[in-house]
Amino acid sequence: MNISETQLSVNDYLDLYLYAESINDQLWKQEIVEKLQNSRNEIRKEIQSFGFKHLLEKYKHINEEIRIIYQQLQIHSSNEYLLEEFWRLKQQRVLLGLQIQSAKHHSP
């Protein structure tokens, strides 16, 4: 179920909840609340998964940039710009690695 389907489902459940309230069906209201909580959890998991995938893509992209600069440094070892860029990207990669590890430990 994607986010837009979940939102439609939530809207439908809210309508059903209001109807259950109007007929004073407490059991049905409780079931609807549980379904809404499950939907909220699904949305949260989907968002977390997207964020984690985005971090991994950034990490792969930075690795590729580092590889390219490393190849250029093999030819132009004294190029200050390339050296600075190389170290800047390595620092970014370390920070992303920490974010990825944190996301792994905090995922449901």
PDB file of N, CA and C in Angstrom:
ATOM      1  N   MET A   1       0.855  -1.171   0.000  1.00  0.00           N
ATOM      2  CA  MET A   1       0.000   0.000   0.000  1.00  0.00           C
ATOM      3  C   MET A   1       0.896   1.227   0.000  1.00  0.00           C
ATOM      4  N   ASN A   2       0.684   2.142  -0.985  1.00  0.00           N
ATOM      5  CA  ASN A   2       1.501   3.351  -0.982  1.00  0.00           C
ATOM      6  C   ASN A   2       0.813   4.460  -0.186  1.00  0.00           C
ATOM      7  N   ILE A   3       1.491   5.590  -0.059  1.00  0.00           N
ATOM      8  CA  ILE A   3       1.001   6.646   0.822  1.00  0.00           C
ATOM      9  C   ILE A   3      -0.350   7.191   0.353  1.00  0.00           C
ATOM     10  N   SER A   4      -0.550   7.392  -0.946  1.00  0.00           N
ATOM     11  CA  SER A   4      -1.824   7.937  -1.412  1.00  0.00           C
ATOM     12  C   SER A   4      -2.971   6.952  -1.176  1.00  0.00           C
ATOM     13  N   GLU A   5      -2.704   5.654  -1.357  1.00  0.00           N
ATOM     14  CA  GLU A   5      -3.730   4.650  -1.056  1.00  0.00           C
ATOM     15  C   GLU A   5      -4.043   4.638   0.431  1.00  0.00           C
ATOM     16  N   THR A   6      -3.014   4.785   1.249  1.00  0.00           N
ATOM     17  CA  THR A   6      -3.213   4.802   2.693  1.00  0.00           C
ATOM     18  C   THR A   6      -4.032   6.020   3.094  1.00  0.00           C
ATOM     19  N   GLN A   7      -3.760   7.171   2.473  1.00  0.00           N
ATOM     20  CA  GLN A   7      -4.524   8.378   2.789  1.00  0.00           C
ATOM     21  C   GLN A   7      -5.993   8.196   2.431  1.00  0.00           C
ATOM     22  N   LEU A   8      -6.255   7.597   1.262  1.00  0.00           N
ATOM     23  CA  LEU A   8      -7.635   7.336   0.871  1.00  0.00           C
ATOM     24  C   LEU A   8      -8.274   6.405   1.884  1.00  0.00           C
ATOM     25  N   SER A   9      -7.564   5.390   2.270  1.00  0.00           N
ATOM     26  CA  SER A   9      -8.065   4.451   3.257  1.00  0.00           C
ATOM     27  C   SER A   9      -8.365   5.161   4.578  1.00  0.00           C
ATOM     28  N   VAL A  10      -7.487   6.065   4.996  1.00  0.00           N
ATOM     29  CA  VAL A  10      -7.689   6.805   6.233  1.00  0.00           C
ATOM     30  C   VAL A  10      -8.957   7.639   6.135  1.00  0.00           C
ATOM     31  N   ASN A  11      -9.153   8.308   5.022  1.00  0.00           N
ATOM     32  CA  ASN A  11     -10.369   9.107   4.847  1.00  0.00           C
ATOM     33  C   ASN A  11     -11.623   8.237   4.929  1.00  0.00           C
ATOM     34  N   ASP A  12     -11.560   7.078   4.311  1.00  0.00           N
ATOM     35  CA  ASP A  12     -12.693   6.153   4.367  1.00  0.00           C
ATOM     36  C   ASP A  12     -12.961   5.693   5.802  1.00  0.00           C
ATOM     37  N   TYR A  13     -11.885   5.374   6.513  1.00  0.00           N
ATOM     38  CA  TYR A  13     -12.051   4.936   7.896  1.00  0.00           C
ATOM     39  C   TYR A  13     -12.579   6.047   8.801  1.00  0.00           C
ATOM     40  N   LEU A  14     -12.180   7.267   8.530  1.00  0.00           N
ATOM     41  CA  LEU A  14     -12.716   8.379   9.317  1.00  0.00           C
ATOM     42  C   LEU A  14     -14.215   8.527   9.095  1.00  0.00           C
ATOM     43  N   ASP A  15     -14.639   8.374   7.856  1.00  0.00           N
ATOM     44  CA  ASP A  15     -16.078   8.418   7.570  1.00  0.00           C
ATOM     45  C   ASP A  15     -16.807   7.286   8.303  1.00  0.00           C
ATOM     46  N   LEU A  16     -16.217   6.091   8.264  1.00  0.00           N
ATOM     47  CA  LEU A  16     -16.831   4.961   8.962  1.00  0.00           C
ATOM     48  C   LEU A  16     -16.864   5.189  10.478  1.00  0.00           C
ATOM     49  N   TYR A  17     -15.816   5.801  10.988  1.00  0.00           N
ATOM     50  CA  TYR A  17     -15.767   6.093  12.415  1.00  0.00           C
ATOM     51  C   TYR A  17     -16.917   7.034  12.800  1.00  0.00           C
ATOM     52  N   LEU A  18     -17.109   8.068  12.004  1.00  0.00           N
ATOM     53  CA  LEU A  18     -18.206   9.002  12.290  1.00  0.00           C
ATOM     54  C   LEU A  18     -19.558   8.300  12.224  1.00  0.00           C
ATOM     55  N   TYR A  19     -19.693   7.391  11.262  1.00  0.00           N
ATOM     56  CA  TYR A  19     -20.951   6.649  11.167  1.00  0.00           C
ATOM     57  C   TYR A  19     -21.121   5.728  12.383  1.00  0.00           C
ATOM     58  N   ALA A  20     -20.047   5.033  12.770  1.00  0.00           N
ATOM     59  CA  ALA A  20     -20.115   4.151  13.944  1.00  0.00           C
ATOM     60  C   ALA A  20     -20.469   4.957  15.189  1.00  0.00           C
ATOM     61  N   GLU A  21     -19.947   6.160  15.265  1.00  0.00           N
ATOM     62  CA  GLU A  21     -20.269   7.022  16.407  1.00  0.00           C
ATOM     63  C   GLU A  21     -21.742   7.429  16.378  1.00  0.00           C
ATOM     64  N   SER A  22     -22.245   7.708  15.174  1.00  0.00           N
ATOM     65  CA  SER A  22     -23.649   8.132  15.077  1.00  0.00           C
ATOM     66  C   SER A  22     -24.619   7.007  15.447  1.00  0.00           C
ATOM     67  N   ILE A  23     -24.200   5.744  15.227  1.00  0.00           N
ATOM     68  CA  ILE A  23     -25.080   4.624  15.616  1.00  0.00           C
ATOM     69  C   ILE A  23     -24.674   4.053  16.974  1.00  0.00           C
ATOM     70  N   ASN A  24     -23.686   4.695  17.596  1.00  0.00           N
ATOM     71  CA  ASN A  24     -23.242   4.346  18.938  1.00  0.00           C
ATOM     72  C   ASN A  24     -22.713   2.907  19.044  1.00  0.00           C
ATOM     73  N   ASP A  25     -21.909   2.515  18.056  1.00  0.00           N
ATOM     74  CA  ASP A  25     -21.297   1.178  18.044  1.00  0.00           C
ATOM     75  C   ASP A  25     -19.860   1.301  18.532  1.00  0.00           C
ATOM     76  N   GLN A  26     -19.647   1.089  19.828  1.00  0.00           N
ATOM     77  CA  GLN A  26     -18.339   1.279  20.459  1.00  0.00           C
ATOM     78  C   GLN A  26     -17.298   0.267  19.975  1.00  0.00           C
ATOM     79  N   LEU A  27     -17.708  -0.966  19.780  1.00  0.00           N
ATOM     80  CA  LEU A  27     -16.782  -2.001  19.327  1.00  0.00           C
ATOM     81  C   LEU A  27     -16.249  -1.672  17.931  1.00  0.00           C
ATOM     82  N   TRP A  28     -17.154  -1.273  17.058  1.00  0.00           N
ATOM     83  CA  TRP A  28     -16.756  -0.925  15.692  1.00  0.00           C
ATOM     84  C   TRP A  28     -15.839   0.288  15.709  1.00  0.00           C
ATOM     85  N   LYS A  29     -16.132   1.273  16.537  1.00  0.00           N
ATOM     86  CA  LYS A  29     -15.272   2.452  16.657  1.00  0.00           C
ATOM     87  C   LYS A  29     -13.856   2.046  17.076  1.00  0.00           C
ATOM     88  N   GLN A  30     -13.760   1.133  18.039  1.00  0.00           N
ATOM     89  CA  GLN A  30     -12.442   0.684  18.505  1.00  0.00           C
ATOM     90  C   GLN A  30     -11.685  -0.037  17.384  1.00  0.00           C
ATOM     91  N   GLU A  31     -12.370  -0.863  16.613  1.00  0.00           N
ATOM     92  CA  GLU A  31     -11.730  -1.549  15.489  1.00  0.00           C
ATOM     93  C   GLU A  31     -11.207  -0.546  14.467  1.00  0.00           C
ATOM     94  N   ILE A  32     -11.976   0.496  14.227  1.00  0.00           N
ATOM     95  CA  ILE A  32     -11.574   1.523  13.257  1.00  0.00           C
ATOM     96  C   ILE A  32     -10.347   2.273  13.769  1.00  0.00           C
ATOM     97  N   VAL A  33     -10.334   2.594  15.045  1.00  0.00           N
ATOM     98  CA  VAL A  33      -9.178   3.281  15.630  1.00  0.00           C
ATOM     99  C   VAL A  33      -7.927   2.422  15.480  1.00  0.00           C
ATOM    100  N   GLU A  34      -8.047   1.120  15.719  1.00  0.00           N
ATOM    101  CA  GLU A  34      -6.902   0.218  15.567  1.00  0.00           C
ATOM    102  C   GLU A  34      -6.411   0.195  14.126  1.00  0.00           C
ATOM    103  N   LYS A  35      -7.342   0.165  13.177  1.00  0.00           N
ATOM    104  CA  LYS A  35      -6.952   0.170  11.756  1.00  0.00           C
ATOM    105  C   LYS A  35      -6.248   1.472  11.396  1.00  0.00           C
ATOM    106  N   LEU A  36      -6.736   2.586  11.934  1.00  0.00           N
ATOM    107  CA  LEU A  36      -6.101   3.877  11.663  1.00  0.00           C
ATOM    108  C   LEU A  36      -4.687   3.922  12.249  1.00  0.00           C
ATOM    109  N   GLN A  37      -4.512   3.359  13.426  1.00  0.00           N
ATOM    110  CA  GLN A  37      -3.171   3.311  14.024  1.00  0.00           C
ATOM    111  C   GLN A  37      -2.234   2.458  13.180  1.00  0.00           C
ATOM    112  N   ASN A  38      -2.740   1.352  12.664  1.00  0.00           N
ATOM    113  CA  ASN A  38      -1.927   0.500  11.784  1.00  0.00           C
ATOM    114  C   ASN A  38      -1.541   1.246  10.514  1.00  0.00           C
ATOM    115  N   SER A  39      -2.476   2.009   9.960  1.00  0.00           N
ATOM    116  CA  SER A  39      -2.186   2.793   8.757  1.00  0.00           C
ATOM    117  C   SER A  39      -1.099   3.811   9.037  1.00  0.00           C
ATOM    118  N   ARG A  40      -1.176   4.463  10.192  1.00  0.00           N
ATOM    119  CA  ARG A  40      -0.165   5.450  10.561  1.00  0.00           C
ATOM    120  C   ARG A  40       1.202   4.781  10.662  1.00  0.00           C
ATOM    121  N   ASN A  41       1.253   3.596  11.234  1.00  0.00           N
ATOM    122  CA  ASN A  41       2.520   2.868  11.352  1.00  0.00           C
ATOM    123  C   ASN A  41       3.074   2.493   9.984  1.00  0.00           C
ATOM    124  N   GLU A  42       2.200   2.113   9.059  1.00  0.00           N
ATOM    125  CA  GLU A  42       2.637   1.763   7.707  1.00  0.00           C
ATOM    126  C   GLU A  42       3.236   2.971   7.008  1.00  0.00           C
ATOM    127  N   ILE A  43       2.599   4.123   7.151  1.00  0.00           N
ATOM    128  CA  ILE A  43       3.108   5.346   6.531  1.00  0.00           C
ATOM    129  C   ILE A  43       4.483   5.678   7.113  1.00  0.00           C
ATOM    130  N   ARG A  44       4.620   5.579   8.429  1.00  0.00           N
ATOM    131  CA  ARG A  44       5.893   5.879   9.093  1.00  0.00           C
ATOM    132  C   ARG A  44       6.991   4.952   8.579  1.00  0.00           C
ATOM    133  N   LYS A  45       6.685   3.670   8.448  1.00  0.00           N
ATOM    134  CA  LYS A  45       7.681   2.711   7.955  1.00  0.00           C
ATOM    135  C   LYS A  45       8.073   3.022   6.516  1.00  0.00           C
ATOM    136  N   GLU A  46       7.102   3.403   5.698  1.00  0.00           N
ATOM    137  CA  GLU A  46       7.379   3.717   4.299  1.00  0.00           C
ATOM    138  C   GLU A  46       8.280   4.945   4.192  1.00  0.00           C
ATOM    139  N   ILE A  47       8.018   5.943   5.017  1.00  0.00           N
ATOM    140  CA  ILE A  47       8.837   7.154   5.008  1.00  0.00           C
ATOM    141  C   ILE A  47      10.252   6.840   5.480  1.00  0.00           C
ATOM    142  N   GLN A  48      10.382   6.040   6.533  1.00  0.00           N
ATOM    143  CA  GLN A  48      11.704   5.666   7.035  1.00  0.00           C
ATOM    144  C   GLN A  48      12.473   4.876   5.976  1.00  0.00           C
ATOM    145  N   SER A  49      11.794   3.988   5.286  1.00  0.00           N
ATOM    146  CA  SER A  49      12.441   3.192   4.251  1.00  0.00           C
ATOM    147  C   SER A  49      12.938   4.090   3.123  1.00  0.00           C
ATOM    148  N   PHE A  50      12.118   5.072   2.739  1.00  0.00           N
ATOM    149  CA  PHE A  50      12.523   6.004   1.688  1.00  0.00           C
ATOM    150  C   PHE A  50      13.750   6.795   2.126  1.00  0.00           C
ATOM    151  N   GLY A  51      13.749   7.267   3.367  1.00  0.00           N
ATOM    152  CA  GLY A  51      14.883   8.037   3.882  1.00  0.00           C
ATOM    153  C   GLY A  51      16.155   7.214   3.900  1.00  0.00           C
ATOM    154  N   PHE A  52      16.046   5.959   4.307  1.00  0.00           N
ATOM    155  CA  PHE A  52      17.207   5.075   4.356  1.00  0.00           C
ATOM    156  C   PHE A  52      17.745   4.828   2.944  1.00  0.00           C
ATOM    157  N   LYS A  53      16.849   4.579   1.997  1.00  0.00           N
ATOM    158  CA  LYS A  53      17.280   4.353   0.611  1.00  0.00           C
ATOM    159  C   LYS A  53      17.965   5.599   0.050  1.00  0.00           C
ATOM    160  N   HIS A  54      17.451   6.770   0.415  1.00  0.00           N
ATOM    161  CA  HIS A  54      18.050   8.024  -0.048  1.00  0.00           C
ATOM    162  C   HIS A  54      19.473   8.169   0.502  1.00  0.00           C
ATOM    163  N   LEU A  55      19.674   7.846   1.771  1.00  0.00           N
ATOM    164  CA  LEU A  55      21.016   7.903   2.364  1.00  0.00           C
ATOM    165  C   LEU A  55      21.972   6.955   1.639  1.00  0.00           C
ATOM    166  N   LEU A  56      21.500   5.748   1.332  1.00  0.00           N
ATOM    167  CA  LEU A  56      22.351   4.783   0.625  1.00  0.00           C
ATOM    168  C   LEU A  56      22.723   5.277  -0.767  1.00  0.00           C
ATOM    169  N   GLU A  57      21.770   5.890  -1.453  1.00  0.00           N
ATOM    170  CA  GLU A  57      22.052   6.430  -2.791  1.00  0.00           C
ATOM    171  C   GLU A  57      23.079   7.550  -2.724  1.00  0.00           C
ATOM    172  N   LYS A  58      22.949   8.435  -1.732  1.00  0.00           N
ATOM    173  CA  LYS A  58      23.932   9.506  -1.560  1.00  0.00           C
ATOM    174  C   LYS A  58      25.313   8.918  -1.272  1.00  0.00           C
ATOM    175  N   TYR A  59      25.359   7.891  -0.437  1.00  0.00           N
ATOM    176  CA  TYR A  59      26.624   7.237  -0.095  1.00  0.00           C
ATOM    177  C   TYR A  59      27.280   6.652  -1.359  1.00  0.00           C
ATOM    178  N   LYS A  60      26.489   5.963  -2.180  1.00  0.00           N
ATOM    179  CA  LYS A  60      27.018   5.383  -3.420  1.00  0.00           C
ATOM    180  C   LYS A  60      27.529   6.480  -4.359  1.00  0.00           C
ATOM    181  N   HIS A  61      26.779   7.571  -4.434  1.00  0.00           N
ATOM    182  CA  HIS A  61      27.164   8.686  -5.318  1.00  0.00           C
ATOM    183  C   HIS A  61      28.494   9.291  -4.851  1.00  0.00           C
ATOM    184  N   ILE A  62      28.637   9.505  -3.558  1.00  0.00           N
ATOM    185  CA  ILE A  62      29.884  10.066  -3.028  1.00  0.00           C
ATOM    186  C   ILE A  62      31.046   9.101  -3.267  1.00  0.00           C
ATOM    187  N   ASN A  63      30.813   7.806  -3.101  1.00  0.00           N
ATOM    188  CA  ASN A  63      31.871   6.821  -3.383  1.00  0.00           C
ATOM    189  C   ASN A  63      32.324   6.919  -4.831  1.00  0.00           C
ATOM    190  N   GLU A  64      31.378   7.102  -5.737  1.00  0.00           N
ATOM    191  CA  GLU A  64      31.728   7.216  -7.153  1.00  0.00           C
ATOM    192  C   GLU A  64      32.534   8.490  -7.402  1.00  0.00           C
ATOM    193  N   GLU A  65      32.136   9.587  -6.779  1.00  0.00           N
ATOM    194  CA  GLU A  65      32.893  10.840  -6.922  1.00  0.00           C
ATOM    195  C   GLU A  65      34.310  10.676  -6.368  1.00  0.00           C
ATOM    196  N   ILE A  66      34.442  10.011  -5.243  1.00  0.00           N
ATOM    197  CA  ILE A  66      35.765   9.774  -4.657  1.00  0.00           C
ATOM    198  C   ILE A  66      36.619   8.936  -5.608  1.00  0.00           C
ATOM    199  N   ARG A  67      36.017   7.919  -6.192  1.00  0.00           N
ATOM    200  CA  ARG A  67      36.754   7.057  -7.134  1.00  0.00           C
ATOM    201  C   ARG A  67      37.270   7.865  -8.323  1.00  0.00           C
ATOM    202  N   ILE A  68      36.426   8.734  -8.865  1.00  0.00           N
ATOM    203  CA  ILE A  68      36.820   9.541 -10.021  1.00  0.00           C
ATOM    204  C   ILE A  68      37.954  10.502  -9.650  1.00  0.00           C
ATOM    205  N   ILE A  69      37.809  11.156  -8.506  1.00  0.00           N
ATOM    206  CA  ILE A  69      38.852  12.092  -8.078  1.00  0.00           C
ATOM    207  C   ILE A  69      40.150  11.342  -7.789  1.00  0.00           C
ATOM    208  N   TYR A  70      40.036  10.171  -7.208  1.00  0.00           N
ATOM    209  CA  TYR A  70      41.236   9.367  -6.931  1.00  0.00           C
ATOM    210  C   TYR A  70      41.973   9.051  -8.236  1.00  0.00           C
ATOM    211  N   GLN A  71      41.219   8.703  -9.269  1.00  0.00           N
ATOM    212  CA  GLN A  71      41.838   8.423 -10.569  1.00  0.00           C
ATOM    213  C   GLN A  71      42.528   9.679 -11.116  1.00  0.00           C
ATOM    214  N   GLN A  72      41.887  10.829 -10.937  1.00  0.00           N
ATOM    215  CA  GLN A  72      42.490  12.079 -11.406  1.00  0.00           C
ATOM    216  C   GLN A  72      43.751  12.404 -10.612  1.00  0.00           C
ATOM    217  N   LEU A  73      43.730  12.095  -9.321  1.00  0.00           N
ATOM    218  CA  LEU A  73      44.907  12.347  -8.492  1.00  0.00           C
ATOM    219  C   LEU A  73      46.084  11.459  -8.878  1.00  0.00           C
ATOM    220  N   GLN A  74      45.821  10.304  -9.466  1.00  0.00           N
ATOM    221  CA  GLN A  74      46.906   9.440  -9.932  1.00  0.00           C
ATOM    222  C   GLN A  74      47.712  10.143 -11.022  1.00  0.00           C
ATOM    223  N   ILE A  75      47.018  10.997 -11.775  1.00  0.00           N
ATOM    224  CA  ILE A  75      47.673  11.724 -12.870  1.00  0.00           C
ATOM    225  C   ILE A  75      48.201  13.075 -12.386  1.00  0.00           C
ATOM    226  N   HIS A  76      47.395  13.756 -11.564  1.00  0.00           N
ATOM    227  CA  HIS A  76      47.722  15.122 -11.113  1.00  0.00           C
ATOM    228  C   HIS A  76      47.832  15.136  -9.586  1.00  0.00           C
ATOM    229  N   SER A  77      48.832  14.513  -9.057  1.00  0.00           N
ATOM    230  CA  SER A  77      48.936  14.326  -7.606  1.00  0.00           C
ATOM    231  C   SER A  77      49.132  15.618  -6.823  1.00  0.00           C
ATOM    232  N   SER A  78      49.579  16.676  -7.463  1.00  0.00           N
ATOM    233  CA  SER A  78      49.813  17.921  -6.718  1.00  0.00           C
ATOM    234  C   SER A  78      48.667  18.925  -6.885  1.00  0.00           C
ATOM    235  N   ASN A  79      47.586  18.527  -7.499  1.00  0.00           N
ATOM    236  CA  ASN A  79      46.450  19.438  -7.704  1.00  0.00           C
ATOM    237  C   ASN A  79      45.741  19.677  -6.371  1.00  0.00           C
ATOM    238  N   GLU A  80      45.867  20.882  -5.838  1.00  0.00           N
ATOM    239  CA  GLU A  80      45.297  21.228  -4.530  1.00  0.00           C
ATOM    240  C   GLU A  80      43.777  21.111  -4.513  1.00  0.00           C
ATOM    241  N   TYR A  81      43.156  21.540  -5.605  1.00  0.00           N
ATOM    242  CA  TYR A  81      41.690  21.472  -5.655  1.00  0.00           C
ATOM    243  C   TYR A  81      41.218  20.026  -5.535  1.00  0.00           C
ATOM    244  N   LEU A  82      41.840  19.140  -6.276  1.00  0.00           N
ATOM    245  CA  LEU A  82      41.456  17.729  -6.226  1.00  0.00           C
ATOM    246  C   LEU A  82      41.698  17.140  -4.837  1.00  0.00           C
ATOM    247  N   LEU A  83      42.814  17.508  -4.221  1.00  0.00           N
ATOM    248  CA  LEU A  83      43.103  17.010  -2.873  1.00  0.00           C
ATOM    249  C   LEU A  83      42.057  17.492  -1.867  1.00  0.00           C
ATOM    250  N   GLU A  84      41.713  18.779  -1.949  1.00  0.00           N
ATOM    251  CA  GLU A  84      40.699  19.326  -1.036  1.00  0.00           C
ATOM    252  C   GLU A  84      39.341  18.662  -1.266  1.00  0.00           C
ATOM    253  N   GLU A  85      38.998  18.476  -2.531  1.00  0.00           N
ATOM    254  CA  GLU A  85      37.715  17.840  -2.863  1.00  0.00           C
ATOM    255  C   GLU A  85      37.695  16.392  -2.384  1.00  0.00           C
ATOM    256  N   PHE A  86      38.803  15.710  -2.548  1.00  0.00           N
ATOM    257  CA  PHE A  86      38.925  14.326  -2.098  1.00  0.00           C
ATOM    258  C   PHE A  86      38.658  14.229  -0.599  1.00  0.00           C
ATOM    259  N   TRP A  87      39.289  15.089   0.211  1.00  0.00           N
ATOM    260  CA  TRP A  87      39.115  15.037   1.660  1.00  0.00           C
ATOM    261  C   TRP A  87      37.726  15.498   2.075  1.00  0.00           C
ATOM    262  N   ARG A  88      37.167  16.468   1.370  1.00  0.00           N
ATOM    263  CA  ARG A  88      35.804  16.921   1.681  1.00  0.00           C
ATOM    264  C   ARG A  88      34.806  15.784   1.454  1.00  0.00           C
ATOM    265  N   LEU A  89      34.956  15.080   0.345  1.00  0.00           N
ATOM    266  CA  LEU A  89      34.056  13.961   0.047  1.00  0.00           C
ATOM    267  C   LEU A  89      34.236  12.822   1.042  1.00  0.00           C
ATOM    268  N   LYS A  90      35.467  12.573   1.448  1.00  0.00           N
ATOM    269  CA  LYS A  90      35.695  11.519   2.448  1.00  0.00           C
ATOM    270  C   LYS A  90      35.012  11.872   3.770  1.00  0.00           C
ATOM    271  N   GLN A  91      35.059  13.146   4.154  1.00  0.00           N
ATOM    272  CA  GLN A  91      34.375  13.575   5.375  1.00  0.00           C
ATOM    273  C   GLN A  91      32.858  13.395   5.235  1.00  0.00           C
ATOM    274  N   GLN A  92      32.324  13.766   4.076  1.00  0.00           N
ATOM    275  CA  GLN A  92      30.885  13.576   3.842  1.00  0.00           C
ATOM    276  C   GLN A  92      30.516  12.104   3.926  1.00  0.00           C
ATOM    277  N   ARG A  93      31.376  11.252   3.378  1.00  0.00           N
ATOM    278  CA  ARG A  93      31.101   9.818   3.393  1.00  0.00           C
ATOM    279  C   ARG A  93      31.084   9.276   4.826  1.00  0.00           C
ATOM    280  N   VAL A  94      31.981   9.763   5.652  1.00  0.00           N
ATOM    281  CA  VAL A  94      32.007   9.337   7.061  1.00  0.00           C
ATOM    282  C   VAL A  94      30.712   9.756   7.748  1.00  0.00           C
ATOM    283  N   LEU A  95      30.290  11.000   7.541  1.00  0.00           N
ATOM    284  CA  LEU A  95      29.048  11.484   8.159  1.00  0.00           C
ATOM    285  C   LEU A  95      27.838  10.691   7.674  1.00  0.00           C
ATOM    286  N   LEU A  96      27.791  10.422   6.373  1.00  0.00           N
ATOM    287  CA  LEU A  96      26.686   9.614   5.844  1.00  0.00           C
ATOM    288  C   LEU A  96      26.715   8.201   6.411  1.00  0.00           C
ATOM    289  N   GLY A  97      27.900   7.653   6.555  1.00  0.00           N
ATOM    290  CA  GLY A  97      28.030   6.320   7.141  1.00  0.00           C
ATOM    291  C   GLY A  97      27.460   6.291   8.553  1.00  0.00           C
ATOM    292  N   LEU A  98      27.725   7.333   9.324  1.00  0.00           N
ATOM    293  CA  LEU A  98      27.171   7.419  10.677  1.00  0.00           C
ATOM    294  C   LEU A  98      25.646   7.527  10.640  1.00  0.00           C
ATOM    295  N   GLN A  99      25.130   8.322   9.705  1.00  0.00           N
ATOM    296  CA  GLN A  99      23.671   8.450   9.574  1.00  0.00           C
ATOM    297  C   GLN A  99      23.041   7.119   9.187  1.00  0.00           C
ATOM    298  N   ILE A 100      23.689   6.401   8.296  1.00  0.00           N
ATOM    299  CA  ILE A 100      23.171   5.098   7.862  1.00  0.00           C
ATOM    300  C   ILE A 100      23.168   4.123   9.030  1.00  0.00           C
ATOM    301  N   GLN A 101      24.255   4.095   9.793  1.00  0.00           N
ATOM    302  CA  GLN A 101      24.308   3.209  10.961  1.00  0.00           C
ATOM    303  C   GLN A 101      23.225   3.558  11.970  1.00  0.00           C
ATOM    304  N   SER A 102      23.027   4.845  12.172  1.00  0.00           N
ATOM    305  CA  SER A 102      21.985   5.295  13.103  1.00  0.00           C
ATOM    306  C   SER A 102      20.608   4.877  12.604  1.00  0.00           C
ATOM    307  N   ALA A 103      20.376   5.040  11.312  1.00  0.00           N
ATOM    308  CA  ALA A 103      19.075   4.659  10.740  1.00  0.00           C
ATOM    309  C   ALA A 103      18.848   3.150  10.861  1.00  0.00           C
ATOM    310  N   LYS A 104      19.892   2.359  10.700  1.00  0.00           N
ATOM    311  CA  LYS A 104      19.772   0.906  10.840  1.00  0.00           C
ATOM    312  C   LYS A 104      19.356   0.526  12.254  1.00  0.00           C
ATOM    313  N   HIS A 105      19.930   1.209  13.233  1.00  0.00           N
ATOM    314  CA  HIS A 105      19.653   0.875  14.637  1.00  0.00           C
ATOM    315  C   HIS A 105      18.304   1.400  15.114  1.00  0.00           C
ATOM    316  N   HIS A 106      17.755   2.403  14.418  1.00  0.00           N
ATOM    317  CA  HIS A 106      16.484   2.981  14.837  1.00  0.00           C
ATOM    318  C   HIS A 106      15.308   2.544  13.959  1.00  0.00           C
ATOM    319  N   SER A 107      15.577   1.664  13.011  1.00  0.00           N
ATOM    320  CA  SER A 107      14.476   1.202  12.163  1.00  0.00           C
ATOM    321  C   SER A 107      13.664   0.141  12.911  1.00  0.00           C
ATOM    322  N   PRO A 108      12.341   0.127  12.643  1.00  0.00           N
ATOM    323  CA  PRO A 108      11.472  -0.835  13.333  1.00  0.00           C
ATOM    324  C   PRO A 108      11.685  -2.263  12.890  1.00  0.00           C
TER     325      PRO A 108
END
